[in-house]
Amino acid sequence: MSGRRGFLLGFLLVALLVAGGLSSFASSSPDGLDTVALHGCQVTRTGTGEQLDGTCIAQNAGEHATAGSPLADYSVAGGEGTVGIAGIIGVLVTLVLAGGLFQVLRRRAPTGSTPPGDD
């Protein structure tokens, strides 16, 4: 195995371990923006979801455009406990897209010429 291929496989393994394994330890608490948007409100759970009592910015918030997508809210189809799977899917999709883009954009030497510095 060449050094480059070994590095890429090692990188892929580490990325998959981080996305799939460490993501299960991530906080389930809202992020900083959500927390700040909820300042001044009390969140009450109801049978139909959550109700905000008080005055806060979050009362004016709506669903985002991709809320119904398969990987919305860092889970697979909204399922509990699927954060790791969503992370692995995200890593694989990103690597495939980046790899394809690099293949399209890489500089190819004209046939019969040598790359600079190989004289």
N, C-alpha and C. Protein backbone atom coordinates (compact mmCIF):
# COMPACT_ATOMS: atom_id res chain seq x y z
N MET A 1 0.86 -1.18 0.00
CA MET A 1 0.00 0.00 0.00
C MET A 1 0.90 1.24 0.00
N SER A 2 0.61 2.15 -0.90
CA SER A 2 1.43 3.35 -0.98
C SER A 2 1.17 4.25 0.22
N GLY A 3 2.10 5.14 0.48
CA GLY A 3 1.96 6.05 1.61
C GLY A 3 0.74 6.94 1.50
N ARG A 4 0.45 7.39 0.29
CA ARG A 4 -0.70 8.26 0.06
C ARG A 4 -2.01 7.51 0.32
N ARG A 5 -2.10 6.30 -0.20
CA ARG A 5 -3.32 5.50 -0.02
C ARG A 5 -3.50 5.15 1.47
N GLY A 6 -2.42 4.82 2.15
CA GLY A 6 -2.50 4.52 3.58
C GLY A 6 -2.97 5.72 4.38
N PHE A 7 -2.45 6.89 4.02
CA PHE A 7 -2.87 8.11 4.70
C PHE A 7 -4.36 8.36 4.49
N LEU A 8 -4.82 8.22 3.25
CA LEU A 8 -6.23 8.46 2.94
C LEU A 8 -7.14 7.46 3.65
N LEU A 9 -6.75 6.20 3.69
CA LEU A 9 -7.55 5.20 4.41
C LEU A 9 -7.55 5.46 5.91
N GLY A 10 -6.41 5.88 6.45
CA GLY A 10 -6.34 6.25 7.86
C GLY A 10 -7.21 7.45 8.17
N PHE A 11 -7.18 8.44 7.29
CA PHE A 11 -8.01 9.63 7.45
C PHE A 11 -9.48 9.25 7.45
N LEU A 12 -9.88 8.38 6.50
CA LEU A 12 -11.27 7.93 6.41
C LEU A 12 -11.67 7.19 7.68
N LEU A 13 -10.82 6.32 8.18
CA LEU A 13 -11.13 5.57 9.40
C LEU A 13 -11.32 6.50 10.59
N VAL A 14 -10.43 7.45 10.76
CA VAL A 14 -10.54 8.40 11.87
C VAL A 14 -11.80 9.24 11.74
N ALA A 15 -12.10 9.72 10.52
CA ALA A 15 -13.30 10.53 10.31
C ALA A 15 -14.56 9.74 10.63
N LEU A 16 -14.59 8.47 10.22
CA LEU A 16 -15.76 7.64 10.50
C LEU A 16 -15.89 7.34 11.99
N LEU A 17 -14.77 7.12 12.67
CA LEU A 17 -14.82 6.88 14.11
C LEU A 17 -15.29 8.11 14.87
N VAL A 18 -14.82 9.27 14.47
CA VAL A 18 -15.26 10.50 15.13
C VAL A 18 -16.74 10.76 14.86
N ALA A 19 -17.15 10.65 13.62
CA ALA A 19 -18.55 10.93 13.27
C ALA A 19 -19.49 9.89 13.85
N GLY A 20 -19.12 8.64 13.79
CA GLY A 20 -20.01 7.58 14.25
C GLY A 20 -19.92 7.30 15.73
N GLY A 21 -18.74 7.42 16.30
CA GLY A 21 -18.54 7.06 17.70
C GLY A 21 -18.67 8.23 18.66
N LEU A 22 -17.93 9.28 18.41
CA LEU A 22 -17.93 10.41 19.35
C LEU A 22 -19.23 11.21 19.31
N SER A 23 -19.96 11.14 18.21
CA SER A 23 -21.20 11.91 18.12
C SER A 23 -22.23 11.43 19.15
N SER A 24 -22.13 10.20 19.59
CA SER A 24 -23.08 9.72 20.60
C SER A 24 -22.84 10.38 21.95
N PHE A 25 -21.66 10.96 22.14
CA PHE A 25 -21.36 11.66 23.39
C PHE A 25 -21.68 13.15 23.32
N ALA A 26 -22.12 13.62 22.16
CA ALA A 26 -22.43 15.04 21.98
C ALA A 26 -23.61 15.45 22.86
N SER A 27 -23.65 16.67 23.23
CA SER A 27 -24.71 17.19 24.09
C SER A 27 -26.04 17.21 23.35
N SER A 28 -27.09 16.82 24.05
CA SER A 28 -28.42 16.89 23.46
C SER A 28 -29.09 18.23 23.78
N SER A 29 -28.39 19.08 24.52
CA SER A 29 -28.91 20.41 24.85
C SER A 29 -28.85 21.30 23.63
N PRO A 30 -29.70 22.32 23.58
CA PRO A 30 -29.67 23.23 22.44
C PRO A 30 -28.32 23.92 22.31
N ASP A 31 -28.00 24.29 21.10
CA ASP A 31 -26.75 25.01 20.90
C ASP A 31 -26.88 26.45 21.39
N GLY A 32 -25.82 27.20 21.29
CA GLY A 32 -25.79 28.56 21.81
C GLY A 32 -26.85 29.46 21.21
N LEU A 33 -27.08 29.38 19.91
CA LEU A 33 -28.07 30.23 19.26
C LEU A 33 -29.48 29.91 19.77
N ASP A 34 -29.79 28.62 19.89
CA ASP A 34 -31.10 28.23 20.42
C ASP A 34 -31.28 28.70 21.85
N THR A 35 -30.23 28.58 22.64
CA THR A 35 -30.30 29.00 24.05
C THR A 35 -30.56 30.49 24.17
N VAL A 36 -29.85 31.28 23.39
CA VAL A 36 -30.02 32.73 23.43
C VAL A 36 -31.42 33.10 22.94
N ALA A 37 -31.92 32.42 21.90
CA ALA A 37 -33.25 32.71 21.37
C ALA A 37 -34.35 32.40 22.38
N LEU A 38 -34.08 31.49 23.32
CA LEU A 38 -35.08 31.11 24.33
C LEU A 38 -35.04 31.97 25.59
N HIS A 39 -34.06 32.90 25.70
CA HIS A 39 -33.99 33.76 26.88
C HIS A 39 -35.28 34.57 27.01
N GLY A 40 -35.89 34.50 28.16
CA GLY A 40 -37.13 35.22 28.43
C GLY A 40 -38.37 34.36 28.27
N CYS A 41 -38.21 33.11 27.89
CA CYS A 41 -39.35 32.21 27.70
C CYS A 41 -39.22 30.98 28.59
N GLN A 42 -40.35 30.41 28.88
CA GLN A 42 -40.42 29.14 29.58
C GLN A 42 -40.95 28.12 28.58
N VAL A 43 -40.24 26.99 28.40
CA VAL A 43 -40.67 25.95 27.47
C VAL A 43 -41.54 24.95 28.22
N THR A 44 -42.75 24.74 27.73
CA THR A 44 -43.68 23.79 28.33
C THR A 44 -43.99 22.72 27.29
N ARG A 45 -43.80 21.45 27.66
CA ARG A 45 -44.11 20.34 26.76
C ARG A 45 -45.62 20.09 26.78
N THR A 46 -46.19 19.97 25.58
CA THR A 46 -47.62 19.68 25.45
C THR A 46 -47.78 18.40 24.63
N GLY A 47 -48.99 17.95 24.45
CA GLY A 47 -49.24 16.76 23.65
C GLY A 47 -48.90 16.94 22.19
N THR A 48 -48.88 18.17 21.71
CA THR A 48 -48.59 18.44 20.31
C THR A 48 -47.18 18.97 20.09
N GLY A 49 -46.37 19.05 21.12
CA GLY A 49 -45.00 19.55 20.98
C GLY A 49 -44.61 20.42 22.14
N GLU A 50 -44.08 21.60 21.84
CA GLU A 50 -43.64 22.54 22.86
C GLU A 50 -44.41 23.84 22.74
N GLN A 51 -44.64 24.46 23.89
CA GLN A 51 -45.29 25.77 23.93
C GLN A 51 -44.34 26.71 24.64
N LEU A 52 -44.18 27.91 24.10
CA LEU A 52 -43.31 28.91 24.70
C LEU A 52 -44.17 29.95 25.41
N ASP A 53 -43.90 30.12 26.70
CA ASP A 53 -44.59 31.13 27.50
C ASP A 53 -43.60 32.22 27.85
N GLY A 54 -43.98 33.47 27.68
CA GLY A 54 -43.10 34.59 27.96
C GLY A 54 -42.82 35.35 26.69
N THR A 55 -41.72 36.12 26.71
CA THR A 55 -41.33 36.92 25.55
C THR A 55 -39.90 36.57 25.18
N CYS A 56 -39.73 35.99 24.00
CA CYS A 56 -38.39 35.67 23.51
C CYS A 56 -38.40 35.66 21.98
N ILE A 57 -37.22 35.68 21.42
CA ILE A 57 -37.07 35.68 19.96
C ILE A 57 -37.61 34.40 19.35
N ALA A 58 -37.49 33.28 20.05
CA ALA A 58 -37.88 31.98 19.51
C ALA A 58 -39.38 31.88 19.21
N GLN A 59 -40.19 32.75 19.80
CA GLN A 59 -41.63 32.71 19.51
C GLN A 59 -41.93 33.05 18.07
N ASN A 60 -41.03 33.74 17.40
CA ASN A 60 -41.22 34.12 16.00
C ASN A 60 -40.56 33.15 15.03
N ALA A 61 -39.93 32.09 15.55
CA ALA A 61 -39.20 31.15 14.71
C ALA A 61 -40.14 30.14 14.08
N GLY A 62 -39.77 29.67 12.92
CA GLY A 62 -40.52 28.62 12.23
C GLY A 62 -39.57 27.49 11.85
N GLU A 63 -40.10 26.48 11.21
CA GLU A 63 -39.26 25.38 10.76
C GLU A 63 -38.36 25.84 9.62
N HIS A 64 -37.16 25.28 9.56
CA HIS A 64 -36.26 25.64 8.47
C HIS A 64 -36.64 24.87 7.21
N ALA A 65 -36.10 25.29 6.08
CA ALA A 65 -36.52 24.74 4.78
C ALA A 65 -36.22 23.25 4.63
N THR A 66 -35.21 22.75 5.33
CA THR A 66 -34.85 21.34 5.18
C THR A 66 -35.28 20.50 6.38
N ALA A 67 -36.26 20.95 7.13
CA ALA A 67 -36.70 20.23 8.33
C ALA A 67 -37.23 18.84 8.03
N GLY A 68 -37.76 18.62 6.85
CA GLY A 68 -38.29 17.31 6.50
C GLY A 68 -37.31 16.41 5.77
N SER A 69 -36.06 16.85 5.64
CA SER A 69 -35.08 16.06 4.90
C SER A 69 -34.63 14.84 5.71
N PRO A 70 -34.06 13.84 5.05
CA PRO A 70 -33.70 12.60 5.75
C PRO A 70 -32.69 12.77 6.88
N LEU A 71 -31.81 13.76 6.82
CA LEU A 71 -30.78 13.92 7.85
C LEU A 71 -30.99 15.18 8.69
N ALA A 72 -32.22 15.68 8.76
CA ALA A 72 -32.51 16.89 9.54
C ALA A 72 -32.27 16.62 11.03
N ASP A 73 -31.85 17.63 11.74
CA ASP A 73 -31.59 17.56 13.18
C ASP A 73 -30.56 16.50 13.55
N TYR A 74 -29.60 16.26 12.67
CA TYR A 74 -28.49 15.35 12.93
C TYR A 74 -28.95 13.94 13.30
N SER A 75 -30.01 13.47 12.65
CA SER A 75 -30.50 12.11 12.86
C SER A 75 -30.99 11.57 11.53
N VAL A 76 -31.22 10.27 11.48
CA VAL A 76 -31.73 9.65 10.26
C VAL A 76 -33.24 9.57 10.37
N ALA A 77 -33.94 10.31 9.52
CA ALA A 77 -35.40 10.36 9.48
C ALA A 77 -36.00 10.70 10.84
N GLY A 78 -35.31 11.54 11.62
CA GLY A 78 -35.82 11.99 12.91
C GLY A 78 -35.78 10.94 14.01
N GLY A 79 -35.14 9.81 13.77
CA GLY A 79 -35.10 8.73 14.75
C GLY A 79 -34.15 9.01 15.90
N GLU A 80 -34.58 8.64 17.09
CA GLU A 80 -33.72 8.76 18.26
C GLU A 80 -32.58 7.76 18.15
N GLY A 81 -31.40 8.14 18.58
CA GLY A 81 -30.27 7.23 18.58
C GLY A 81 -29.62 7.00 17.23
N THR A 82 -29.93 7.83 16.25
CA THR A 82 -29.35 7.65 14.91
C THR A 82 -28.34 8.74 14.58
N VAL A 83 -27.86 9.45 15.59
CA VAL A 83 -26.90 10.54 15.36
C VAL A 83 -25.61 10.01 14.75
N GLY A 84 -25.12 8.87 15.25
CA GLY A 84 -23.89 8.29 14.73
C GLY A 84 -24.02 7.88 13.28
N ILE A 85 -25.15 7.29 12.93
CA ILE A 85 -25.38 6.88 11.54
C ILE A 85 -25.44 8.10 10.64
N ALA A 86 -26.11 9.16 11.10
CA ALA A 86 -26.18 10.39 10.31
C ALA A 86 -24.78 10.98 10.12
N GLY A 87 -23.94 10.91 11.15
CA GLY A 87 -22.56 11.40 11.03
C GLY A 87 -21.76 10.62 10.02
N ILE A 88 -21.90 9.30 10.03
CA ILE A 88 -21.19 8.45 9.08
C ILE A 88 -21.66 8.74 7.66
N ILE A 89 -22.96 8.87 7.46
CA ILE A 89 -23.49 9.20 6.14
C ILE A 89 -22.95 10.56 5.68
N GLY A 90 -22.90 11.53 6.58
CA GLY A 90 -22.38 12.85 6.24
C GLY A 90 -20.92 12.80 5.83
N VAL A 91 -20.11 12.02 6.55
CA VAL A 91 -18.69 11.88 6.20
C VAL A 91 -18.54 11.25 4.81
N LEU A 92 -19.27 10.17 4.57
CA LEU A 92 -19.15 9.48 3.29
C LEU A 92 -19.61 10.35 2.13
N VAL A 93 -20.72 11.05 2.29
CA VAL A 93 -21.22 11.94 1.22
C VAL A 93 -20.21 13.06 0.96
N THR A 94 -19.68 13.64 2.03
CA THR A 94 -18.70 14.72 1.87
C THR A 94 -17.45 14.23 1.16
N LEU A 95 -16.94 13.06 1.53
CA LEU A 95 -15.73 12.53 0.89
C LEU A 95 -15.98 12.18 -0.58
N VAL A 96 -17.14 11.63 -0.89
CA VAL A 96 -17.46 11.31 -2.29
C VAL A 96 -17.54 12.60 -3.12
N LEU A 97 -18.25 13.61 -2.60
CA LEU A 97 -18.36 14.87 -3.33
C LEU A 97 -17.01 15.57 -3.49
N ALA A 98 -16.23 15.60 -2.40
CA ALA A 98 -14.92 16.25 -2.46
C ALA A 98 -13.99 15.48 -3.40
N GLY A 99 -14.01 14.15 -3.32
CA GLY A 99 -13.17 13.34 -4.20
C GLY A 99 -13.53 13.55 -5.66
N GLY A 100 -14.82 13.60 -5.96
CA GLY A 100 -15.25 13.85 -7.33
C GLY A 100 -14.83 15.23 -7.80
N LEU A 101 -14.98 16.22 -6.94
CA LEU A 101 -14.57 17.58 -7.31
C LEU A 101 -13.07 17.66 -7.54
N PHE A 102 -12.28 17.01 -6.67
CA PHE A 102 -10.83 17.02 -6.86
C PHE A 102 -10.44 16.32 -8.16
N GLN A 103 -11.14 15.23 -8.52
CA GLN A 103 -10.84 14.54 -9.77
C GLN A 103 -11.12 15.46 -10.97
N VAL A 104 -12.20 16.20 -10.91
CA VAL A 104 -12.56 17.09 -12.02
C VAL A 104 -11.58 18.26 -12.11
N LEU A 105 -11.18 18.79 -10.97
CA LEU A 105 -10.38 20.01 -10.97
C LEU A 105 -8.87 19.79 -10.97
N ARG A 106 -8.44 18.56 -10.76
CA ARG A 106 -6.99 18.37 -10.65
C ARG A 106 -6.30 18.70 -11.96
N ARG A 107 -5.10 19.16 -11.81
CA ARG A 107 -4.33 19.58 -12.97
C ARG A 107 -3.68 18.35 -13.59
N ARG A 108 -3.93 18.14 -14.84
CA ARG A 108 -3.36 16.99 -15.54
C ARG A 108 -2.22 17.48 -16.45
N ALA A 109 -1.12 16.74 -16.39
CA ALA A 109 0.01 17.08 -17.25
C ALA A 109 -0.29 16.61 -18.67
N PRO A 110 0.09 17.39 -19.69
CA PRO A 110 -0.11 16.95 -21.07
C PRO A 110 0.63 15.64 -21.32
N THR A 111 0.10 14.82 -22.19
CA THR A 111 0.70 13.53 -22.50
C THR A 111 2.12 13.71 -23.02
N GLY A 112 3.06 12.91 -22.49
CA GLY A 112 4.43 12.95 -22.96
C GLY A 112 5.30 13.98 -22.26
N SER A 113 4.75 14.80 -21.40
CA SER A 113 5.55 15.79 -20.70
C SER A 113 5.83 15.32 -19.28
N THR A 114 6.81 15.90 -18.66
CA THR A 114 7.13 15.57 -17.27
C THR A 114 6.69 16.72 -16.39
N PRO A 115 6.23 16.40 -15.19
CA PRO A 115 5.82 17.47 -14.27
C PRO A 115 7.01 18.33 -13.88
N PRO A 116 6.77 19.60 -13.53
CA PRO A 116 7.86 20.49 -13.13
C PRO A 116 8.63 19.89 -11.96
N GLY A 117 9.96 20.00 -12.00
CA GLY A 117 10.81 19.51 -10.93
C GLY A 117 11.27 18.08 -11.11
N ASP A 118 10.79 17.37 -12.16
CA ASP A 118 11.20 15.99 -12.39
C ASP A 118 12.22 15.89 -13.52
N ASP A 119 12.94 16.99 -13.82
CA ASP A 119 13.93 16.99 -14.91
C ASP A 119 15.15 16.24 -14.50
